[in-house]
Amino acid sequence: MSWQLQQSEDSAGASAVDYSRSSRVALDHVVSCLVGFVIGFLIIYIFYKIFALSIVGGAAVGFVNVFISAHNAVKKRRFRLRIQFFDLLEAMSVSMRAGGTMLKSLQSAREDLMLIYPEGSDIIAELDIIIGKFNNAVPLSEAFADFARRSGLEDVASFSTIYSTIEGKSGRADELVREIQQIIADKMEIEMEIDTLMTAAKSEVNIMLLMPLVILGVIGYAGAGFLDAIYTSGIGRVVSTGGLIVFVLSYLLARKFSRVRL
């Protein structure tokens, strides 16, 4: 009983996380900007050999990279949360097979997950919020619906929708948890198999994208003026611009085609 009261007090002061927003701090943004600036500066300088243009282009790439890095951080956090949610369902199913109620299963799952994840992990914080809301007379279906809305995860939304349908009307909650857990496990296994198969292809694409820069850099500095026309004539600038456009488009298409969504 004291544990439940403590959970209610803790969750009352806990803030619900919006997982669509990045949790990166100012230092992370500065690092992302510097990394983007260096990459952008080198690429533009290889194509044009104009220092001022490379500075401006590098600054633009650095600015864009701040948003790209923040977006990637959100995706990684959601992916970690999805794995943690799978572990939650697995721990809940064990408790429910032993005859525990949904609330008891959540409390038992929290104790089990504390052996795997630290106190400040997302799934532990979400469990504290869900259990605290229930202790404050909020139905579990509403707590799960809020979690699904903030997380943006399809698996959580599916679980929330189905559970809200059977809440208080069916004793099949344990079967529901096991079925959703198995569905998530199957999806994650397929995704990992696809990612493994595409690892080699992604490496080849990265090498192919890097090779034009290496060739231009080597020939430009060790080619005894072989590429001087590209850097000094008008038609050469046009060719350089066309090459840069093709390079950027190739990078964007490679990223798009290597992205797998199930």
C-alpha atoms as a PDB file:
ATOM      1  CA  MET A   1       0.000   0.000   0.000  1.00  0.00           C
ATOM      2  CA  SER A   2       2.795   2.407   0.868  1.00  0.00           C
ATOM      3  CA  TRP A   3       4.433   1.626  -2.498  1.00  0.00           C
ATOM      4  CA  GLN A   4       1.240   2.597  -4.320  1.00  0.00           C
ATOM      5  CA  LEU A   5       0.984   5.875  -2.373  1.00  0.00           C
ATOM      6  CA  GLN A   6       4.607   6.638  -3.158  1.00  0.00           C
ATOM      7  CA  GLN A   7       3.991   5.886  -6.833  1.00  0.00           C
ATOM      8  CA  SER A   8       0.992   8.245  -6.833  1.00  0.00           C
ATOM      9  CA  GLU A   9       3.027  11.011  -5.228  1.00  0.00           C
ATOM     10  CA  ASP A  10       5.946  10.490  -7.635  1.00  0.00           C
ATOM     11  CA  SER A  11       3.745  10.463 -10.725  1.00  0.00           C
ATOM     12  CA  ALA A  12       1.935  13.566  -9.582  1.00  0.00           C
ATOM     13  CA  GLY A  13       5.179  15.474  -9.945  1.00  0.00           C
ATOM     14  CA  ALA A  14       6.343  13.650 -13.029  1.00  0.00           C
ATOM     15  CA  SER A  15       6.010  15.390 -16.355  1.00  0.00           C
ATOM     16  CA  ALA A  16       4.594  13.508 -19.310  1.00  0.00           C
ATOM     17  CA  VAL A  17       7.094  13.364 -22.164  1.00  0.00           C
ATOM     18  CA  ASP A  18       6.208  14.329 -25.722  1.00  0.00           C
ATOM     19  CA  TYR A  19       8.307  11.886 -27.742  1.00  0.00           C
ATOM     20  CA  SER A  20       7.797  13.869 -30.945  1.00  0.00           C
ATOM     21  CA  ARG A  21      10.183  16.512 -29.593  1.00  0.00           C
ATOM     22  CA  SER A  22      13.923  16.137 -29.221  1.00  0.00           C
ATOM     23  CA  SER A  23      15.435  16.021 -25.736  1.00  0.00           C
ATOM     24  CA  ARG A  24      18.858  17.165 -26.971  1.00  0.00           C
ATOM     25  CA  VAL A  25      20.558  19.972 -25.045  1.00  0.00           C
ATOM     26  CA  ALA A  26      22.304  23.056 -26.425  1.00  0.00           C
ATOM     27  CA  LEU A  27      25.703  21.333 -26.494  1.00  0.00           C
ATOM     28  CA  ASP A  28      24.309  18.572 -28.710  1.00  0.00           C
ATOM     29  CA  HIS A  29      23.031  21.186 -31.162  1.00  0.00           C
ATOM     30  CA  VAL A  30      26.408  22.917 -31.219  1.00  0.00           C
ATOM     31  CA  VAL A  31      28.214  19.632 -31.938  1.00  0.00           C
ATOM     32  CA  SER A  32      25.735  18.772 -34.707  1.00  0.00           C
ATOM     33  CA  CYS A  33      26.214  22.222 -36.229  1.00  0.00           C
ATOM     34  CA  LEU A  34      30.012  21.897 -36.175  1.00  0.00           C
ATOM     35  CA  VAL A  35      29.926  18.414 -37.717  1.00  0.00           C
ATOM     36  CA  GLY A  36      27.586  19.613 -40.470  1.00  0.00           C
ATOM     37  CA  PHE A  37      29.743  22.696 -41.069  1.00  0.00           C
ATOM     38  CA  VAL A  38      32.926  20.645 -41.517  1.00  0.00           C
ATOM     39  CA  ILE A  39      31.230  18.167 -43.880  1.00  0.00           C
ATOM     40  CA  GLY A  40      29.552  20.910 -45.903  1.00  0.00           C
ATOM     41  CA  PHE A  41      32.726  22.993 -46.091  1.00  0.00           C
ATOM     42  CA  LEU A  42      34.821  20.073 -47.373  1.00  0.00           C
ATOM     43  CA  ILE A  43      32.281  18.977 -49.976  1.00  0.00           C
ATOM     44  CA  ILE A  44      31.718  22.463 -51.404  1.00  0.00           C
ATOM     45  CA  TYR A  45      35.425  23.282 -51.360  1.00  0.00           C
ATOM     46  CA  ILE A  46      36.206  20.086 -53.289  1.00  0.00           C
ATOM     47  CA  PHE A  47      33.661  21.040 -55.950  1.00  0.00           C
ATOM     48  CA  TYR A  48      34.442  24.772 -56.206  1.00  0.00           C
ATOM     49  CA  LYS A  49      37.690  25.588 -54.342  1.00  0.00           C
ATOM     50  CA  ILE A  50      36.176  28.909 -53.254  1.00  0.00           C
ATOM     51  CA  PHE A  51      36.871  29.544 -49.580  1.00  0.00           C
ATOM     52  CA  ALA A  52      34.124  32.109 -48.954  1.00  0.00           C
ATOM     53  CA  LEU A  53      31.483  29.968 -50.701  1.00  0.00           C
ATOM     54  CA  SER A  54      32.619  26.946 -48.715  1.00  0.00           C
ATOM     55  CA  ILE A  55      32.191  28.900 -45.456  1.00  0.00           C
ATOM     56  CA  VAL A  56      28.649  29.936 -46.384  1.00  0.00           C
ATOM     57  CA  GLY A  57      27.745  26.463 -47.641  1.00  0.00           C
ATOM     58  CA  GLY A  58      29.238  24.816 -44.566  1.00  0.00           C
ATOM     59  CA  ALA A  59      27.225  27.117 -42.298  1.00  0.00           C
ATOM     60  CA  ALA A  60      24.035  26.231 -44.192  1.00  0.00           C
ATOM     61  CA  VAL A  61      24.735  22.497 -43.946  1.00  0.00           C
ATOM     62  CA  GLY A  62      25.544  22.870 -40.253  1.00  0.00           C
ATOM     63  CA  PHE A  63      22.245  24.655 -39.643  1.00  0.00           C
ATOM     64  CA  VAL A  64      20.291  21.943 -41.465  1.00  0.00           C
ATOM     65  CA  ASN A  65      22.214  19.207 -39.676  1.00  0.00           C
ATOM     66  CA  VAL A  66      20.946  20.502 -36.322  1.00  0.00           C
ATOM     67  CA  PHE A  67      17.382  19.638 -37.354  1.00  0.00           C
ATOM     68  CA  ILE A  68      18.406  16.356 -38.979  1.00  0.00           C
ATOM     69  CA  SER A  69      20.253  15.263 -35.846  1.00  0.00           C
ATOM     70  CA  ALA A  70      17.290  16.238 -33.666  1.00  0.00           C
ATOM     71  CA  HIS A  71      14.963  14.218 -35.909  1.00  0.00           C
ATOM     72  CA  ASN A  72      17.291  11.212 -35.776  1.00  0.00           C
ATOM     73  CA  ALA A  73      17.474  11.517 -31.985  1.00  0.00           C
ATOM     74  CA  VAL A  74      13.670  11.382 -31.803  1.00  0.00           C
ATOM     75  CA  LYS A  75      13.626   8.271 -34.012  1.00  0.00           C
ATOM     76  CA  LYS A  76      16.271   6.535 -31.912  1.00  0.00           C
ATOM     77  CA  ARG A  77      14.447   7.344 -28.688  1.00  0.00           C
ATOM     78  CA  ARG A  78      11.183   6.008 -30.079  1.00  0.00           C
ATOM     79  CA  PHE A  79      12.953   2.858 -31.236  1.00  0.00           C
ATOM     80  CA  ARG A  80      14.384   2.327 -27.746  1.00  0.00           C
ATOM     81  CA  LEU A  81      10.952   2.965 -26.251  1.00  0.00           C
ATOM     82  CA  ARG A  82       9.425   0.393 -28.579  1.00  0.00           C
ATOM     83  CA  ILE A  83      11.901  -2.245 -27.398  1.00  0.00           C
ATOM     84  CA  GLN A  84      11.198  -1.274 -23.791  1.00  0.00           C
ATOM     85  CA  PHE A  85       7.445  -1.549 -24.416  1.00  0.00           C
ATOM     86  CA  PHE A  86       7.986  -5.049 -25.813  1.00  0.00           C
ATOM     87  CA  ASP A  87       9.854  -5.974 -22.633  1.00  0.00           C
ATOM     88  CA  LEU A  88       6.979  -4.499 -20.623  1.00  0.00           C
ATOM     89  CA  LEU A  89       4.426  -6.687 -22.404  1.00  0.00           C
ATOM     90  CA  GLU A  90       6.632  -9.728 -21.883  1.00  0.00           C
ATOM     91  CA  ALA A  91       6.912  -9.043 -18.144  1.00  0.00           C
ATOM     92  CA  MET A  92       3.171  -8.350 -17.914  1.00  0.00           C
ATOM     93  CA  SER A  93       2.242 -11.587 -19.675  1.00  0.00           C
ATOM     94  CA  VAL A  94       4.271 -13.612 -17.174  1.00  0.00           C
ATOM     95  CA  SER A  95       2.422 -12.002 -14.274  1.00  0.00           C
ATOM     96  CA  MET A  96      -0.992 -12.298 -15.903  1.00  0.00           C
ATOM     97  CA  ARG A  97      -0.491 -15.984 -16.646  1.00  0.00           C
ATOM     98  CA  ALA A  98      -0.029 -16.396 -12.900  1.00  0.00           C
ATOM     99  CA  GLY A  99      -3.480 -14.882 -12.369  1.00  0.00           C
ATOM    100  CA  GLY A 100      -2.582 -11.253 -11.665  1.00  0.00           C
ATOM    101  CA  THR A 101      -4.812  -8.350 -12.623  1.00  0.00           C
ATOM    102  CA  MET A 102      -3.711  -5.709 -15.100  1.00  0.00           C
ATOM    103  CA  LEU A 103      -2.665  -3.315 -12.330  1.00  0.00           C
ATOM    104  CA  LYS A 104      -0.788  -6.019 -10.435  1.00  0.00           C
ATOM    105  CA  SER A 105       0.888  -7.026 -13.682  1.00  0.00           C
ATOM    106  CA  LEU A 106       2.020  -3.447 -14.296  1.00  0.00           C
ATOM    107  CA  GLN A 107       3.438  -3.205 -10.790  1.00  0.00           C
ATOM    108  CA  SER A 108       5.182  -6.565 -11.129  1.00  0.00           C
ATOM    109  CA  ALA A 109       6.501  -5.608 -14.570  1.00  0.00           C
ATOM    110  CA  ARG A 110       7.948  -2.406 -13.128  1.00  0.00           C
ATOM    111  CA  GLU A 111       9.905  -4.382 -10.558  1.00  0.00           C
ATOM    112  CA  ASP A 112      11.185  -6.730 -13.267  1.00  0.00           C
ATOM    113  CA  LEU A 113      12.126  -3.901 -15.638  1.00  0.00           C
ATOM    114  CA  MET A 114      14.050  -2.138 -12.880  1.00  0.00           C
ATOM    115  CA  LEU A 115      16.500  -5.045 -13.125  1.00  0.00           C
ATOM    116  CA  ILE A 116      17.080  -4.201 -16.806  1.00  0.00           C
ATOM    117  CA  TYR A 117      16.626  -0.453 -17.144  1.00  0.00           C
ATOM    118  CA  PRO A 118      17.747   2.418 -14.875  1.00  0.00           C
ATOM    119  CA  GLU A 119      15.324   4.478 -12.801  1.00  0.00           C
ATOM    120  CA  GLY A 120      15.273   7.365 -15.284  1.00  0.00           C
ATOM    121  CA  SER A 121      14.488   5.258 -18.369  1.00  0.00           C
ATOM    122  CA  ASP A 122      11.421   6.142 -20.426  1.00  0.00           C
ATOM    123  CA  ILE A 123       9.444   2.958 -19.790  1.00  0.00           C
ATOM    124  CA  ILE A 124       9.911   3.203 -16.021  1.00  0.00           C
ATOM    125  CA  ALA A 125       8.732   6.825 -16.096  1.00  0.00           C
ATOM    126  CA  GLU A 126       5.713   5.855 -18.192  1.00  0.00           C
ATOM    127  CA  LEU A 127       4.832   3.025 -15.821  1.00  0.00           C
ATOM    128  CA  ASP A 128       4.982   5.435 -12.907  1.00  0.00           C
ATOM    129  CA  ILE A 129       2.623   7.797 -14.749  1.00  0.00           C
ATOM    130  CA  ILE A 130       0.168   5.033 -15.712  1.00  0.00           C
ATOM    131  CA  ILE A 131       0.068   3.482 -12.235  1.00  0.00           C
ATOM    132  CA  GLY A 132      -0.156   6.920 -10.617  1.00  0.00           C
ATOM    133  CA  LYS A 133      -3.099   7.885 -12.832  1.00  0.00           C
ATOM    134  CA  PHE A 134      -4.904   4.663 -11.914  1.00  0.00           C
ATOM    135  CA  ASN A 135      -4.382   5.387  -8.219  1.00  0.00           C
ATOM    136  CA  ASN A 136      -5.969   8.788  -8.921  1.00  0.00           C
ATOM    137  CA  ALA A 137      -9.105   7.132 -10.396  1.00  0.00           C
ATOM    138  CA  VAL A 138      -8.072   7.461 -14.065  1.00  0.00           C
ATOM    139  CA  PRO A 139      -8.937   4.308 -16.074  1.00  0.00           C
ATOM    140  CA  LEU A 140      -6.001   2.353 -17.462  1.00  0.00           C
ATOM    141  CA  SER A 141      -7.450   2.694 -20.956  1.00  0.00           C
ATOM    142  CA  GLU A 142      -7.142   6.483 -20.760  1.00  0.00           C
ATOM    143  CA  ALA A 143      -3.610   6.237 -19.366  1.00  0.00           C
ATOM    144  CA  PHE A 144      -2.580   3.890 -22.194  1.00  0.00           C
ATOM    145  CA  ALA A 145      -4.285   6.163 -24.757  1.00  0.00           C
ATOM    146  CA  ASP A 146      -2.278   9.143 -23.480  1.00  0.00           C
ATOM    147  CA  PHE A 147       0.924   7.104 -23.654  1.00  0.00           C
ATOM    148  CA  ALA A 148       0.112   6.038 -27.219  1.00  0.00           C
ATOM    149  CA  ARG A 149      -0.594   9.628 -28.275  1.00  0.00           C
ATOM    150  CA  ARG A 150       2.647  10.982 -26.841  1.00  0.00           C
ATOM    151  CA  SER A 151       4.862   8.099 -27.991  1.00  0.00           C
ATOM    152  CA  GLY A 152       3.607   8.021 -31.576  1.00  0.00           C
ATOM    153  CA  LEU A 153       4.236   4.258 -31.655  1.00  0.00           C
ATOM    154  CA  GLU A 154       1.857   2.111 -33.692  1.00  0.00           C
ATOM    155  CA  ASP A 155       2.306  -0.859 -31.351  1.00  0.00           C
ATOM    156  CA  VAL A 156       1.325   1.159 -28.278  1.00  0.00           C
ATOM    157  CA  ALA A 157      -1.648   2.653 -30.126  1.00  0.00           C
ATOM    158  CA  SER A 158      -2.858  -0.815 -31.165  1.00  0.00           C
ATOM    159  CA  PHE A 159      -2.560  -2.106 -27.618  1.00  0.00           C
ATOM    160  CA  SER A 160      -4.369   0.951 -26.255  1.00  0.00           C
ATOM    161  CA  THR A 161      -7.232   0.672 -28.758  1.00  0.00           C
ATOM    162  CA  ILE A 162      -7.805  -3.027 -28.159  1.00  0.00           C
ATOM    163  CA  TYR A 163      -7.510  -2.761 -24.392  1.00  0.00           C
ATOM    164  CA  SER A 164      -9.989   0.140 -24.254  1.00  0.00           C
ATOM    165  CA  THR A 165     -12.475  -2.087 -26.099  1.00  0.00           C
ATOM    166  CA  ILE A 166     -12.304  -4.975 -23.633  1.00  0.00           C
ATOM    167  CA  GLU A 167     -11.620  -3.055 -20.414  1.00  0.00           C
ATOM    168  CA  GLY A 168     -14.043  -4.284 -17.783  1.00  0.00           C
ATOM    169  CA  LYS A 169     -15.858  -6.479 -20.310  1.00  0.00           C
ATOM    170  CA  SER A 170     -13.580  -9.472 -20.833  1.00  0.00           C
ATOM    171  CA  GLY A 171     -11.179 -11.705 -18.944  1.00  0.00           C
ATOM    172  CA  ARG A 172      -8.986 -12.131 -22.033  1.00  0.00           C
ATOM    173  CA  ALA A 173      -6.580  -9.365 -21.115  1.00  0.00           C
ATOM    174  CA  ASP A 174      -3.786 -11.896 -20.583  1.00  0.00           C
ATOM    175  CA  GLU A 175      -4.338 -13.352 -24.060  1.00  0.00           C
ATOM    176  CA  LEU A 176      -4.396  -9.846 -25.519  1.00  0.00           C
ATOM    177  CA  VAL A 177      -1.034  -9.009 -23.978  1.00  0.00           C
ATOM    178  CA  ARG A 178       0.520 -12.255 -25.244  1.00  0.00           C
ATOM    179  CA  GLU A 179      -0.891 -11.800 -28.764  1.00  0.00           C
ATOM    180  CA  ILE A 180       0.332  -8.203 -29.099  1.00  0.00           C
ATOM    181  CA  GLN A 181       3.708  -9.197 -27.684  1.00  0.00           C
ATOM    182  CA  GLN A 182       4.013 -11.928 -30.314  1.00  0.00           C
ATOM    183  CA  ILE A 183       2.997  -9.532 -33.118  1.00  0.00           C
ATOM    184  CA  ILE A 184       5.635  -6.997 -32.034  1.00  0.00           C
ATOM    185  CA  ALA A 185       8.239  -9.758 -31.719  1.00  0.00           C
ATOM    186  CA  ASP A 186       7.496 -10.974 -35.254  1.00  0.00           C
ATOM    187  CA  LYS A 187       7.689  -7.433 -36.680  1.00  0.00           C
ATOM    188  CA  MET A 188      10.978  -6.710 -34.912  1.00  0.00           C
ATOM    189  CA  GLU A 189      12.470  -9.995 -36.093  1.00  0.00           C
ATOM    190  CA  ILE A 190      11.537  -9.227 -39.707  1.00  0.00           C
ATOM    191  CA  GLU A 191      12.959  -5.714 -39.430  1.00  0.00           C
ATOM    192  CA  MET A 192      16.239  -7.010 -38.003  1.00  0.00           C
ATOM    193  CA  GLU A 193      16.522  -9.607 -40.781  1.00  0.00           C
ATOM    194  CA  ILE A 194      15.929  -6.954 -43.447  1.00  0.00           C
ATOM    195  CA  ASP A 195      18.384  -4.571 -41.791  1.00  0.00           C
ATOM    196  CA  THR A 196      21.009  -7.332 -41.699  1.00  0.00           C
ATOM    197  CA  LEU A 197      20.503  -8.055 -45.392  1.00  0.00           C
ATOM    198  CA  MET A 198      20.770  -4.363 -46.257  1.00  0.00           C
ATOM    199  CA  THR A 199      23.870  -3.661 -44.178  1.00  0.00           C
ATOM    200  CA  ALA A 200      26.217  -4.668 -46.992  1.00  0.00           C
ATOM    201  CA  ALA A 201      24.206  -2.654 -49.522  1.00  0.00           C
ATOM    202  CA  LYS A 202      24.290   0.435 -47.273  1.00  0.00           C
ATOM    203  CA  SER A 203      28.076   0.120 -46.950  1.00  0.00           C
ATOM    204  CA  GLU A 204      28.443  -0.115 -50.728  1.00  0.00           C
ATOM    205  CA  VAL A 205      26.259   2.968 -51.196  1.00  0.00           C
ATOM    206  CA  ASN A 206      28.339   4.952 -48.698  1.00  0.00           C
ATOM    207  CA  ILE A 207      31.534   3.963 -50.505  1.00  0.00           C
ATOM    208  CA  MET A 208      30.041   4.923 -53.874  1.00  0.00           C
ATOM    209  CA  LEU A 209      29.021   8.325 -52.481  1.00  0.00           C
ATOM    210  CA  LEU A 210      32.460   8.894 -51.004  1.00  0.00           C
ATOM    211  CA  MET A 211      34.456   7.900 -54.087  1.00  0.00           C
ATOM    212  CA  PRO A 212      33.614  10.981 -56.243  1.00  0.00           C
ATOM    213  CA  LEU A 213      34.845  13.241 -53.443  1.00  0.00           C
ATOM    214  CA  VAL A 214      38.052  11.231 -53.057  1.00  0.00           C
ATOM    215  CA  ILE A 215      38.686  11.239 -56.803  1.00  0.00           C
ATOM    216  CA  LEU A 216      38.058  14.975 -57.149  1.00  0.00           C
ATOM    217  CA  GLY A 217      40.197  15.718 -54.120  1.00  0.00           C
ATOM    218  CA  VAL A 218      43.136  13.592 -55.226  1.00  0.00           C
ATOM    219  CA  ILE A 219      43.109  14.713 -58.858  1.00  0.00           C
ATOM    220  CA  GLY A 220      42.492  18.323 -57.875  1.00  0.00           C
ATOM    221  CA  TYR A 221      45.582  18.444 -55.657  1.00  0.00           C
ATOM    222  CA  ALA A 222      47.855  15.900 -57.337  1.00  0.00           C
ATOM    223  CA  GLY A 223      46.715  16.085 -60.944  1.00  0.00           C
ATOM    224  CA  ALA A 224      49.192  18.751 -62.113  1.00  0.00           C
ATOM    225  CA  GLY A 225      46.432  21.136 -63.209  1.00  0.00           C
ATOM    226  CA  PHE A 226      44.316  18.420 -64.827  1.00  0.00           C
ATOM    227  CA  LEU A 227      41.095  19.876 -63.358  1.00  0.00           C
ATOM    228  CA  ASP A 228      42.018  23.568 -63.460  1.00  0.00           C
ATOM    229  CA  ALA A 229      39.422  24.241 -66.169  1.00  0.00           C
ATOM    230  CA  ILE A 230      36.648  23.163 -63.819  1.00  0.00           C
ATOM    231  CA  TYR A 231      37.706  25.675 -61.179  1.00  0.00           C
ATOM    232  CA  THR A 232      38.575  28.619 -63.437  1.00  0.00           C
ATOM    233  CA  SER A 233      36.135  28.675 -66.364  1.00  0.00           C
ATOM    234  CA  GLY A 234      32.413  29.412 -66.529  1.00  0.00           C
ATOM    235  CA  ILE A 235      31.546  26.101 -68.146  1.00  0.00           C
ATOM    236  CA  GLY A 236      33.644  24.393 -65.500  1.00  0.00           C
ATOM    237  CA  ARG A 237      31.578  26.002 -62.743  1.00  0.00           C
ATOM    238  CA  VAL A 238      28.418  24.782 -64.460  1.00  0.00           C
ATOM    239  CA  VAL A 239      29.823  21.260 -64.592  1.00  0.00           C
ATOM    240  CA  SER A 240      30.812  21.471 -60.913  1.00  0.00           C
ATOM    241  CA  THR A 241      27.339  22.653 -59.980  1.00  0.00           C
ATOM    242  CA  GLY A 242      25.757  19.818 -61.952  1.00  0.00           C
ATOM    243  CA  GLY A 243      28.049  17.314 -60.259  1.00  0.00           C
ATOM    244  CA  LEU A 244      27.171  18.696 -56.827  1.00  0.00           C
ATOM    245  CA  ILE A 245      23.447  18.471 -57.586  1.00  0.00           C
ATOM    246  CA  VAL A 246      23.818  14.863 -58.731  1.00  0.00           C
ATOM    247  CA  PHE A 247      25.837  14.077 -55.604  1.00  0.00           C
ATOM    248  CA  VAL A 248      23.179  15.544 -53.281  1.00  0.00           C
ATOM    249  CA  LEU A 249      20.337  13.820 -55.126  1.00  0.00           C
ATOM    250  CA  SER A 250      22.197  10.507 -54.978  1.00  0.00           C
ATOM    251  CA  TYR A 251      22.629  10.898 -51.230  1.00  0.00           C
ATOM    252  CA  LEU A 252      18.943  11.709 -50.670  1.00  0.00           C
ATOM    253  CA  LEU A 253      17.743   8.832 -52.863  1.00  0.00           C
ATOM    254  CA  ALA A 254      20.123   6.400 -51.195  1.00  0.00           C
ATOM    255  CA  ARG A 255      18.798   7.398 -47.777  1.00  0.00           C
ATOM    256  CA  LYS A 256      15.201   7.073 -48.943  1.00  0.00           C
ATOM    257  CA  PHE A 257      15.583   3.665 -50.588  1.00  0.00           C
ATOM    258  CA  SER A 258      17.487   2.227 -47.617  1.00  0.00           C
ATOM    259  CA  ARG A 259      14.750   3.216 -45.175  1.00  0.00           C
ATOM    260  CA  VAL A 260      12.525   0.243 -44.304  1.00  0.00           C
ATOM    261  CA  ARG A 261       9.086   0.677 -42.810  1.00  0.00           C
ATOM    262  CA  LEU A 262       6.774  -2.166 -41.904  1.00  0.00           C
END
